[in-house]
């Protein structure tokens, strides 16, 4: 099971006089992640470090991080560990540090970068990643209520309806319910209750 971040978050904390600002944002691609890293790095171009980590993919298969000048393994990797601990994917995180004059040491840096991000994520809204498929179909007004009744089971949601000479319906269905729904819709199409049926990719 993988989770995703519902909304962007930011969180700030002072550790041994250094200012740490954690940012996290949901993304769809590694390109989106890189753009966000660049955006935060430019916003805080006078910061001592802008360290980052991101995880992308349905199973979190693409993972990268950077210490941005901090000692190797003291920033990016602890941040990546914090994301993995929450089983998150399709997420990018940047932790900006403004040095306050006190050196934290290797252990202190690991605890600071990983801990600040972890505490930020504890405040975030996190939800389970679910896989849905979208279908469009058309029916006559006479059959609209029959259609709605037959597809009204868990995991199916009507997301939009257009009324013209026919009724056009757009529905989302959970991946695990897709085969069950298609069987119902194919049967209705054979009975001429549905005139069009198409998956939107």
C-alpha atoms as a PDB file:
ATOM      1  CA  UNK A   1       0.000   0.000   0.000  1.00  0.00           C
ATOM      2  CA  UNK A   2       1.321   3.431  -0.966  1.00  0.00           C
ATOM      3  CA  UNK A   3       0.141   6.804   0.273  1.00  0.00           C
ATOM      4  CA  UNK A   4       0.049  10.261  -1.256  1.00  0.00           C
ATOM      5  CA  UNK A   5       0.092  13.769   0.162  1.00  0.00           C
ATOM      6  CA  UNK A   6      -3.245  15.527  -0.214  1.00  0.00           C
ATOM      7  CA  UNK A   7      -1.934  19.115  -0.224  1.00  0.00           C
ATOM      8  CA  UNK A   8       1.351  20.998  -0.138  1.00  0.00           C
ATOM      9  CA  UNK A   9       2.774  21.714   3.311  1.00  0.00           C
ATOM     10  CA  UNK A  10       5.522  23.782   4.900  1.00  0.00           C
ATOM     11  CA  UNK A  11       6.878  23.679   8.425  1.00  0.00           C
ATOM     12  CA  UNK A  12       9.609  25.649  10.189  1.00  0.00           C
ATOM     13  CA  UNK A  13      11.746  24.850  13.218  1.00  0.00           C
ATOM     14  CA  UNK A  14      14.901  26.195  14.883  1.00  0.00           C
ATOM     15  CA  UNK A  15      17.524  23.659  15.909  1.00  0.00           C
ATOM     16  CA  UNK A  16      20.681  24.880  17.652  1.00  0.00           C
ATOM     17  CA  UNK A  17      20.125  28.371  16.199  1.00  0.00           C
ATOM     18  CA  UNK A  18      19.887  27.045  12.611  1.00  0.00           C
ATOM     19  CA  UNK A  19      16.592  27.715  10.849  1.00  0.00           C
ATOM     20  CA  UNK A  20      15.112  24.680   9.076  1.00  0.00           C
ATOM     21  CA  UNK A  21      12.124  25.033   6.708  1.00  0.00           C
ATOM     22  CA  UNK A  22      10.552  21.839   5.358  1.00  0.00           C
ATOM     23  CA  UNK A  23       8.444  21.895   2.210  1.00  0.00           C
ATOM     24  CA  UNK A  24       6.574  18.947   0.695  1.00  0.00           C
ATOM     25  CA  UNK A  25       4.352  18.822  -2.365  1.00  0.00           C
ATOM     26  CA  UNK A  26       2.420  16.102  -4.249  1.00  0.00           C
ATOM     27  CA  UNK A  27       3.746  15.571  -7.801  1.00  0.00           C
ATOM     28  CA  UNK A  28       3.024  13.266 -10.728  1.00  0.00           C
ATOM     29  CA  UNK A  29       6.443  13.072 -12.412  1.00  0.00           C
ATOM     30  CA  UNK A  30      10.133  13.524 -11.617  1.00  0.00           C
ATOM     31  CA  UNK A  31      10.043  16.610 -13.865  1.00  0.00           C
ATOM     32  CA  UNK A  32       7.415  18.136 -11.544  1.00  0.00           C
ATOM     33  CA  UNK A  33       9.654  17.291  -8.588  1.00  0.00           C
ATOM     34  CA  UNK A  34      12.696  18.960 -10.188  1.00  0.00           C
ATOM     35  CA  UNK A  35      10.680  22.086 -10.979  1.00  0.00           C
ATOM     36  CA  UNK A  36       9.604  22.393  -7.346  1.00  0.00           C
ATOM     37  CA  UNK A  37      13.179  21.900  -6.115  1.00  0.00           C
ATOM     38  CA  UNK A  38      14.347  24.680  -8.460  1.00  0.00           C
ATOM     39  CA  UNK A  39      11.496  26.941  -7.340  1.00  0.00           C
ATOM     40  CA  UNK A  40      12.298  26.558  -3.619  1.00  0.00           C
ATOM     41  CA  UNK A  41      16.051  26.830  -4.232  1.00  0.00           C
ATOM     42  CA  UNK A  42      15.537  30.111  -6.079  1.00  0.00           C
ATOM     43  CA  UNK A  43      13.179  31.394  -3.397  1.00  0.00           C
ATOM     44  CA  UNK A  44      15.861  30.630  -0.792  1.00  0.00           C
ATOM     45  CA  UNK A  45      18.953  31.307  -2.898  1.00  0.00           C
ATOM     46  CA  UNK A  46      20.666  32.914   0.130  1.00  0.00           C
ATOM     47  CA  UNK A  47      20.108  29.835   2.314  1.00  0.00           C
ATOM     48  CA  UNK A  48      23.096  27.749   3.390  1.00  0.00           C
ATOM     49  CA  UNK A  49      21.573  24.562   1.932  1.00  0.00           C
ATOM     50  CA  UNK A  50      18.459  23.458   0.032  1.00  0.00           C
ATOM     51  CA  UNK A  51      18.473  19.676   0.447  1.00  0.00           C
ATOM     52  CA  UNK A  52      15.853  17.547  -1.253  1.00  0.00           C
ATOM     53  CA  UNK A  53      14.325  14.126  -1.807  1.00  0.00           C
ATOM     54  CA  UNK A  54      11.570  12.810  -4.028  1.00  0.00           C
ATOM     55  CA  UNK A  55       9.723   9.565  -4.672  1.00  0.00           C
ATOM     56  CA  UNK A  56       7.704   9.012  -7.845  1.00  0.00           C
ATOM     57  CA  UNK A  57       5.823   6.029  -9.262  1.00  0.00           C
ATOM     58  CA  UNK A  58       2.837   3.857  -8.407  1.00  0.00           C
ATOM     59  CA  UNK A  59       5.099   1.675  -6.254  1.00  0.00           C
ATOM     60  CA  UNK A  60       7.617   4.377  -5.339  1.00  0.00           C
ATOM     61  CA  UNK A  61      10.100   2.941  -7.827  1.00  0.00           C
ATOM     62  CA  UNK A  62      11.921   6.228  -8.584  1.00  0.00           C
ATOM     63  CA  UNK A  63      13.746   7.689  -5.579  1.00  0.00           C
ATOM     64  CA  UNK A  64      16.420  10.392  -5.536  1.00  0.00           C
ATOM     65  CA  UNK A  65      17.899  12.793  -3.008  1.00  0.00           C
ATOM     66  CA  UNK A  66      20.615  15.423  -2.565  1.00  0.00           C
ATOM     67  CA  UNK A  67      22.629  16.685   0.412  1.00  0.00           C
ATOM     68  CA  UNK A  68      23.289  20.003  -1.402  1.00  0.00           C
ATOM     69  CA  UNK A  69      26.687  20.510   0.208  1.00  0.00           C
ATOM     70  CA  UNK A  70      25.979  18.978   3.617  1.00  0.00           C
ATOM     71  CA  UNK A  71      28.233  16.005   4.510  1.00  0.00           C
ATOM     72  CA  UNK A  72      27.337  12.942   2.433  1.00  0.00           C
ATOM     73  CA  UNK A  73      24.331  11.030   3.736  1.00  0.00           C
ATOM     74  CA  UNK A  74      23.337  13.585   6.384  1.00  0.00           C
ATOM     75  CA  UNK A  75      20.415  15.312   4.642  1.00  0.00           C
ATOM     76  CA  UNK A  76      18.949  13.783   1.479  1.00  0.00           C
ATOM     77  CA  UNK A  77      18.998  10.197   2.719  1.00  0.00           C
ATOM     78  CA  UNK A  78      17.342  10.935   6.101  1.00  0.00           C
ATOM     79  CA  UNK A  79      14.687  12.914   4.213  1.00  0.00           C
ATOM     80  CA  UNK A  80      14.125   9.965   1.864  1.00  0.00           C
ATOM     81  CA  UNK A  81      13.850   7.699   4.910  1.00  0.00           C
ATOM     82  CA  UNK A  82      11.150   9.985   6.363  1.00  0.00           C
ATOM     83  CA  UNK A  83       9.142   9.757   3.126  1.00  0.00           C
ATOM     84  CA  UNK A  84       9.516   5.967   3.012  1.00  0.00           C
ATOM     85  CA  UNK A  85       8.542   5.654   6.672  1.00  0.00           C
ATOM     86  CA  UNK A  86       5.162   7.204   5.783  1.00  0.00           C
ATOM     87  CA  UNK A  87       4.972   4.940   2.682  1.00  0.00           C
ATOM     88  CA  UNK A  88       4.614   8.010   0.488  1.00  0.00           C
ATOM     89  CA  UNK A  89       4.983   8.252  -3.276  1.00  0.00           C
ATOM     90  CA  UNK A  90       4.490  10.988  -5.882  1.00  0.00           C
ATOM     91  CA  UNK A  91       5.993  13.487  -3.463  1.00  0.00           C
ATOM     92  CA  UNK A  92       8.893  15.929  -3.393  1.00  0.00           C
ATOM     93  CA  UNK A  93      10.391  17.453  -0.254  1.00  0.00           C
ATOM     94  CA  UNK A  94      12.899  20.266   0.218  1.00  0.00           C
ATOM     95  CA  UNK A  95      14.443  21.222   3.553  1.00  0.00           C
ATOM     96  CA  UNK A  96      16.053  24.656   3.532  1.00  0.00           C
ATOM     97  CA  UNK A  97      18.686  25.458   6.170  1.00  0.00           C
ATOM     98  CA  UNK A  98      19.937  28.845   7.273  1.00  0.00           C
ATOM     99  CA  UNK A  99      23.068  28.175   9.342  1.00  0.00           C
ATOM    100  CA  UNK A 100      22.886  29.727  12.799  1.00  0.00           C
ATOM    101  CA  UNK A 101      26.510  29.464  13.838  1.00  0.00           C
ATOM    102  CA  UNK A 102      26.432  26.167  15.753  1.00  0.00           C
ATOM    103  CA  UNK A 103      27.711  23.013  14.011  1.00  0.00           C
ATOM    104  CA  UNK A 104      25.413  20.036  14.517  1.00  0.00           C
ATOM    105  CA  UNK A 105      27.783  17.206  13.638  1.00  0.00           C
ATOM    106  CA  UNK A 106      26.931  14.156  11.524  1.00  0.00           C
ATOM    107  CA  UNK A 107      24.357  12.662  13.905  1.00  0.00           C
ATOM    108  CA  UNK A 108      22.836  16.064  14.591  1.00  0.00           C
ATOM    109  CA  UNK A 109      22.386  16.781  10.877  1.00  0.00           C
ATOM    110  CA  UNK A 110      20.781  13.387  10.224  1.00  0.00           C
ATOM    111  CA  UNK A 111      18.355  13.924  13.114  1.00  0.00           C
ATOM    112  CA  UNK A 112      17.634  17.514  12.046  1.00  0.00           C
ATOM    113  CA  UNK A 113      16.881  16.923   8.356  1.00  0.00           C
ATOM    114  CA  UNK A 114      15.003  13.657   8.854  1.00  0.00           C
ATOM    115  CA  UNK A 115      13.232  14.883  11.978  1.00  0.00           C
ATOM    116  CA  UNK A 116      12.058  18.229  10.600  1.00  0.00           C
ATOM    117  CA  UNK A 117      10.537  16.535   7.547  1.00  0.00           C
ATOM    118  CA  UNK A 118       8.986  13.792   9.673  1.00  0.00           C
ATOM    119  CA  UNK A 119       7.345  16.350  11.952  1.00  0.00           C
ATOM    120  CA  UNK A 120       6.094  18.258   8.898  1.00  0.00           C
ATOM    121  CA  UNK A 121       4.536  15.074   7.502  1.00  0.00           C
ATOM    122  CA  UNK A 122       2.854  14.400  10.864  1.00  0.00           C
ATOM    123  CA  UNK A 123       0.881  17.615  10.301  1.00  0.00           C
ATOM    124  CA  UNK A 124      -0.019  16.756   6.705  1.00  0.00           C
ATOM    125  CA  UNK A 125      -3.135  15.156   5.269  1.00  0.00           C
ATOM    126  CA  UNK A 126      -2.133  11.791   3.851  1.00  0.00           C
ATOM    127  CA  UNK A 127      -4.415   9.439   1.944  1.00  0.00           C
ATOM    128  CA  UNK A 128      -4.079   6.031   0.363  1.00  0.00           C
ATOM    129  CA  UNK A 129      -3.115   5.915  -3.317  1.00  0.00           C
ATOM    130  CA  UNK A 130      -5.991   4.332  -5.245  1.00  0.00           C
ATOM    131  CA  UNK A 131      -6.114   3.423  -8.913  1.00  0.00           C
ATOM    132  CA  UNK A 132      -9.168   4.475 -10.893  1.00  0.00           C
ATOM    133  CA  UNK A 133     -10.275   4.195 -14.506  1.00  0.00           C
ATOM    134  CA  UNK A 134     -12.571   6.614 -16.307  1.00  0.00           C
ATOM    135  CA  UNK A 135     -15.356   5.729 -18.736  1.00  0.00           C
ATOM    136  CA  UNK A 136     -17.705   7.792 -20.862  1.00  0.00           C
ATOM    137  CA  UNK A 137     -21.060   6.477 -22.048  1.00  0.00           C
ATOM    138  CA  UNK A 138     -24.300   7.692 -23.600  1.00  0.00           C
ATOM    139  CA  UNK A 139     -27.854   6.643 -22.955  1.00  0.00           C
ATOM    140  CA  UNK A 140     -31.372   7.816 -23.771  1.00  0.00           C
ATOM    141  CA  UNK A 141     -33.315   9.779 -21.173  1.00  0.00           C
ATOM    142  CA  UNK A 142     -35.707   6.826 -20.814  1.00  0.00           C
ATOM    143  CA  UNK A 143     -32.891   4.561 -19.634  1.00  0.00           C
ATOM    144  CA  UNK A 144     -30.939   7.045 -17.498  1.00  0.00           C
ATOM    145  CA  UNK A 145     -32.412   5.983 -14.149  1.00  0.00           C
ATOM    146  CA  UNK A 146     -32.000   2.289 -15.005  1.00  0.00           C
ATOM    147  CA  UNK A 147     -28.341   2.950 -15.795  1.00  0.00           C
ATOM    148  CA  UNK A 148     -27.740   4.877 -12.569  1.00  0.00           C
ATOM    149  CA  UNK A 149     -29.331   2.075 -10.549  1.00  0.00           C
ATOM    150  CA  UNK A 150     -27.271  -0.686 -12.195  1.00  0.00           C
ATOM    151  CA  UNK A 151     -23.933   1.046 -11.677  1.00  0.00           C
ATOM    152  CA  UNK A 152     -24.648   2.224  -8.123  1.00  0.00           C
ATOM    153  CA  UNK A 153     -22.278  -0.045  -6.271  1.00  0.00           C
ATOM    154  CA  UNK A 154     -19.161   0.641  -4.215  1.00  0.00           C
ATOM    155  CA  UNK A 155     -16.180   1.976  -6.110  1.00  0.00           C
ATOM    156  CA  UNK A 156     -18.186   3.637  -8.907  1.00  0.00           C
ATOM    157  CA  UNK A 157     -18.717   7.389  -9.024  1.00  0.00           C
ATOM    158  CA  UNK A 158     -20.501   9.581 -11.580  1.00  0.00           C
ATOM    159  CA  UNK A 159     -18.149  12.566 -12.001  1.00  0.00           C
ATOM    160  CA  UNK A 160     -19.996  14.496 -14.713  1.00  0.00           C
ATOM    161  CA  UNK A 161     -23.251  14.405 -16.689  1.00  0.00           C
ATOM    162  CA  UNK A 162     -24.128  16.276 -19.889  1.00  0.00           C
ATOM    163  CA  UNK A 163     -27.699  16.644 -21.126  1.00  0.00           C
ATOM    164  CA  UNK A 164     -28.181  17.098 -24.883  1.00  0.00           C
ATOM    165  CA  UNK A 165     -30.334  14.978 -27.170  1.00  0.00           C
ATOM    166  CA  UNK A 166     -28.936  12.082 -25.110  1.00  0.00           C
ATOM    167  CA  UNK A 167     -27.425  11.838 -21.645  1.00  0.00           C
ATOM    168  CA  UNK A 168     -23.611  11.615 -21.600  1.00  0.00           C
ATOM    169  CA  UNK A 169     -22.140  10.275 -18.374  1.00  0.00           C
ATOM    170  CA  UNK A 170     -18.549  10.178 -17.167  1.00  0.00           C
ATOM    171  CA  UNK A 171     -17.780   7.709 -14.426  1.00  0.00           C
ATOM    172  CA  UNK A 172     -14.757   6.703 -12.382  1.00  0.00           C
ATOM    173  CA  UNK A 173     -14.321   3.191 -11.090  1.00  0.00           C
ATOM    174  CA  UNK A 174     -11.768   1.612  -8.780  1.00  0.00           C
ATOM    175  CA  UNK A 175      -9.413  -0.711 -10.646  1.00  0.00           C
ATOM    176  CA  UNK A 176     -10.595  -3.748  -8.691  1.00  0.00           C
ATOM    177  CA  UNK A 177     -14.241  -3.049  -9.678  1.00  0.00           C
ATOM    178  CA  UNK A 178     -13.519  -2.380 -13.363  1.00  0.00           C
ATOM    179  CA  UNK A 179     -14.204  -5.908 -14.695  1.00  0.00           C
ATOM    180  CA  UNK A 180     -17.493  -6.111 -12.754  1.00  0.00           C
ATOM    181  CA  UNK A 181     -18.634  -2.740 -14.130  1.00  0.00           C
ATOM    182  CA  UNK A 182     -17.649  -3.554 -17.728  1.00  0.00           C
ATOM    183  CA  UNK A 183     -19.672  -6.775 -17.587  1.00  0.00           C
ATOM    184  CA  UNK A 184     -22.769  -4.776 -16.554  1.00  0.00           C
ATOM    185  CA  UNK A 185     -22.199  -2.064 -19.167  1.00  0.00           C
ATOM    186  CA  UNK A 186     -21.517  -4.557 -21.984  1.00  0.00           C
ATOM    187  CA  UNK A 187     -24.792  -6.296 -21.154  1.00  0.00           C
ATOM    188  CA  UNK A 188     -26.624  -2.954 -21.238  1.00  0.00           C
ATOM    189  CA  UNK A 189     -24.994  -2.094 -24.565  1.00  0.00           C
ATOM    190  CA  UNK A 190     -26.151  -5.408 -26.021  1.00  0.00           C
ATOM    191  CA  UNK A 191     -29.672  -4.526 -24.878  1.00  0.00           C
ATOM    192  CA  UNK A 192     -29.331  -1.112 -26.617  1.00  0.00           C
ATOM    193  CA  UNK A 193     -29.703   0.671 -23.274  1.00  0.00           C
ATOM    194  CA  UNK A 194     -26.307   2.302 -23.872  1.00  0.00           C
ATOM    195  CA  UNK A 195     -25.374   3.729 -27.267  1.00  0.00           C
ATOM    196  CA  UNK A 196     -21.706   4.546 -26.611  1.00  0.00           C
ATOM    197  CA  UNK A 197     -19.108   3.162 -24.221  1.00  0.00           C
ATOM    198  CA  UNK A 198     -15.477   4.232 -24.167  1.00  0.00           C
ATOM    199  CA  UNK A 199     -12.599   4.246 -21.702  1.00  0.00           C
ATOM    200  CA  UNK A 200     -10.848   7.591 -21.327  1.00  0.00           C
ATOM    201  CA  UNK A 201      -7.105   7.082 -21.042  1.00  0.00           C
END
